[in-house]
Amino acid sequence: MDKTIDIPYDYDGVTGVPITFLDKYNPEQFEILGIDRYIEGNKTPNKRFTINGKEIYARIVIRRIGEAQ
């Protein structure tokens, strides 16, 4: 995801975004839940999320304000 606009407007869950998201962060639109390696529910605690078994860059986990929790 390269741009905030790439976040699906109808997605009803949490998503991981690059740390550059913070430059565009709007607290009225998004809630920051945590960072990947420390977020509750991470299947590999204390490690970054993985794709095909390889750690990816750090991700901030967010959710749209007002979505199902």
C-alpha atoms as a PDB file:
ATOM      1  CA  MET A   1       0.000   0.000   0.000  1.00  0.00           C
ATOM      2  CA  ASP A   2       1.698   3.187  -1.154  1.00  0.00           C
ATOM      3  CA  LYS A   3      -0.989   5.773  -0.501  1.00  0.00           C
ATOM      4  CA  THR A   4      -3.688   6.318   2.079  1.00  0.00           C
ATOM      5  CA  ILE A   5      -6.203   6.267  -0.769  1.00  0.00           C
ATOM      6  CA  ASP A   6      -5.188   2.629  -1.388  1.00  0.00           C
ATOM      7  CA  ILE A   7      -6.800   1.599   1.912  1.00  0.00           C
ATOM      8  CA  PRO A   8     -10.142   0.086   0.841  1.00  0.00           C
ATOM      9  CA  TYR A   9     -12.960   2.341   2.033  1.00  0.00           C
ATOM     10  CA  ASP A  10     -15.251  -0.623   2.643  1.00  0.00           C
ATOM     11  CA  TYR A  11     -12.743  -2.882   4.423  1.00  0.00           C
ATOM     12  CA  ASP A  12     -14.177  -3.915   7.788  1.00  0.00           C
ATOM     13  CA  GLY A  13     -11.006  -4.895   9.600  1.00  0.00           C
ATOM     14  CA  VAL A  14      -7.499  -3.951  10.548  1.00  0.00           C
ATOM     15  CA  THR A  15      -4.694  -3.391   8.093  1.00  0.00           C
ATOM     16  CA  GLY A  16      -0.946  -2.933   8.244  1.00  0.00           C
ATOM     17  CA  VAL A  17       0.468   0.208   6.678  1.00  0.00           C
ATOM     18  CA  PRO A  18       4.047   1.485   6.259  1.00  0.00           C
ATOM     19  CA  ILE A  19       5.433   3.839   8.888  1.00  0.00           C
ATOM     20  CA  THR A  20       5.236   6.639   6.308  1.00  0.00           C
ATOM     21  CA  PHE A  21       1.484   6.551   6.998  1.00  0.00           C
ATOM     22  CA  LEU A  22       2.200   8.713  10.051  1.00  0.00           C
ATOM     23  CA  ASP A  23       2.858  11.693   7.754  1.00  0.00           C
ATOM     24  CA  LYS A  24      -0.761  11.484   6.593  1.00  0.00           C
ATOM     25  CA  TYR A  25      -2.377  10.174   9.777  1.00  0.00           C
ATOM     26  CA  ASN A  26      -5.762  11.691  10.574  1.00  0.00           C
ATOM     27  CA  PRO A  27      -6.942  10.680  14.075  1.00  0.00           C
ATOM     28  CA  GLU A  28     -10.538  11.451  13.098  1.00  0.00           C
ATOM     29  CA  GLN A  29     -10.352   8.859  10.322  1.00  0.00           C
ATOM     30  CA  PHE A  30      -8.046   6.105  11.638  1.00  0.00           C
ATOM     31  CA  GLU A  31      -7.214   4.506  14.975  1.00  0.00           C
ATOM     32  CA  ILE A  32      -3.661   3.261  15.483  1.00  0.00           C
ATOM     33  CA  LEU A  33      -3.787  -0.149  17.175  1.00  0.00           C
ATOM     34  CA  GLY A  34      -0.063  -0.801  17.447  1.00  0.00           C
ATOM     35  CA  ILE A  35       2.997  -1.925  15.559  1.00  0.00           C
ATOM     36  CA  ASP A  36       3.222  -5.348  13.966  1.00  0.00           C
ATOM     37  CA  ARG A  37       5.697  -7.084  16.229  1.00  0.00           C
ATOM     38  CA  TYR A  38       3.887  -6.017  19.406  1.00  0.00           C
ATOM     39  CA  ILE A  39       0.252  -6.204  18.328  1.00  0.00           C
ATOM     40  CA  GLU A  40      -1.999  -8.670  20.128  1.00  0.00           C
ATOM     41  CA  GLY A  41      -2.818 -11.588  17.862  1.00  0.00           C
ATOM     42  CA  ASN A  42       0.476 -11.556  15.957  1.00  0.00           C
ATOM     43  CA  LYS A  43       1.064 -15.224  15.161  1.00  0.00           C
ATOM     44  CA  THR A  44       4.819 -14.685  15.538  1.00  0.00           C
ATOM     45  CA  PRO A  45       5.138 -12.479  18.656  1.00  0.00           C
ATOM     46  CA  ASN A  46       8.088 -10.076  18.764  1.00  0.00           C
ATOM     47  CA  LYS A  47       8.643 -10.523  15.028  1.00  0.00           C
ATOM     48  CA  ARG A  48       7.375  -8.529  12.103  1.00  0.00           C
ATOM     49  CA  PHE A  49       4.598  -9.811   9.902  1.00  0.00           C
ATOM     50  CA  THR A  50       5.803 -12.158   7.179  1.00  0.00           C
ATOM     51  CA  ILE A  51       5.077 -12.827   3.538  1.00  0.00           C
ATOM     52  CA  ASN A  52       6.135 -16.244   2.253  1.00  0.00           C
ATOM     53  CA  GLY A  53       8.053 -16.801   5.484  1.00  0.00           C
ATOM     54  CA  LYS A  54      10.155 -13.612   5.168  1.00  0.00           C
ATOM     55  CA  GLU A  55       9.836 -10.662   7.512  1.00  0.00           C
ATOM     56  CA  ILE A  56       8.640  -7.500   5.800  1.00  0.00           C
ATOM     57  CA  TYR A  57       9.224  -3.911   6.766  1.00  0.00           C
ATOM     58  CA  ALA A  58       7.627  -2.765  10.010  1.00  0.00           C
ATOM     59  CA  ARG A  59       3.931  -2.052   9.721  1.00  0.00           C
ATOM     60  CA  ILE A  60       1.633   0.111  11.797  1.00  0.00           C
ATOM     61  CA  VAL A  61      -1.673  -1.643  12.383  1.00  0.00           C
ATOM     62  CA  ILE A  62      -4.687   0.635  11.918  1.00  0.00           C
ATOM     63  CA  ARG A  63      -8.469   0.496  11.735  1.00  0.00           C
ATOM     64  CA  ARG A  64     -10.918   3.002  10.323  1.00  0.00           C
ATOM     65  CA  ILE A  65     -12.789   4.888  13.032  1.00  0.00           C
ATOM     66  CA  GLY A  66     -16.339   3.612  13.437  1.00  0.00           C
ATOM     67  CA  GLU A  67     -15.728   0.161  11.936  1.00  0.00           C
ATOM     68  CA  ALA A  68     -16.629  -3.096  13.658  1.00  0.00           C
ATOM     69  CA  GLN A  69     -14.252  -4.027  16.435  1.00  0.00           C
END
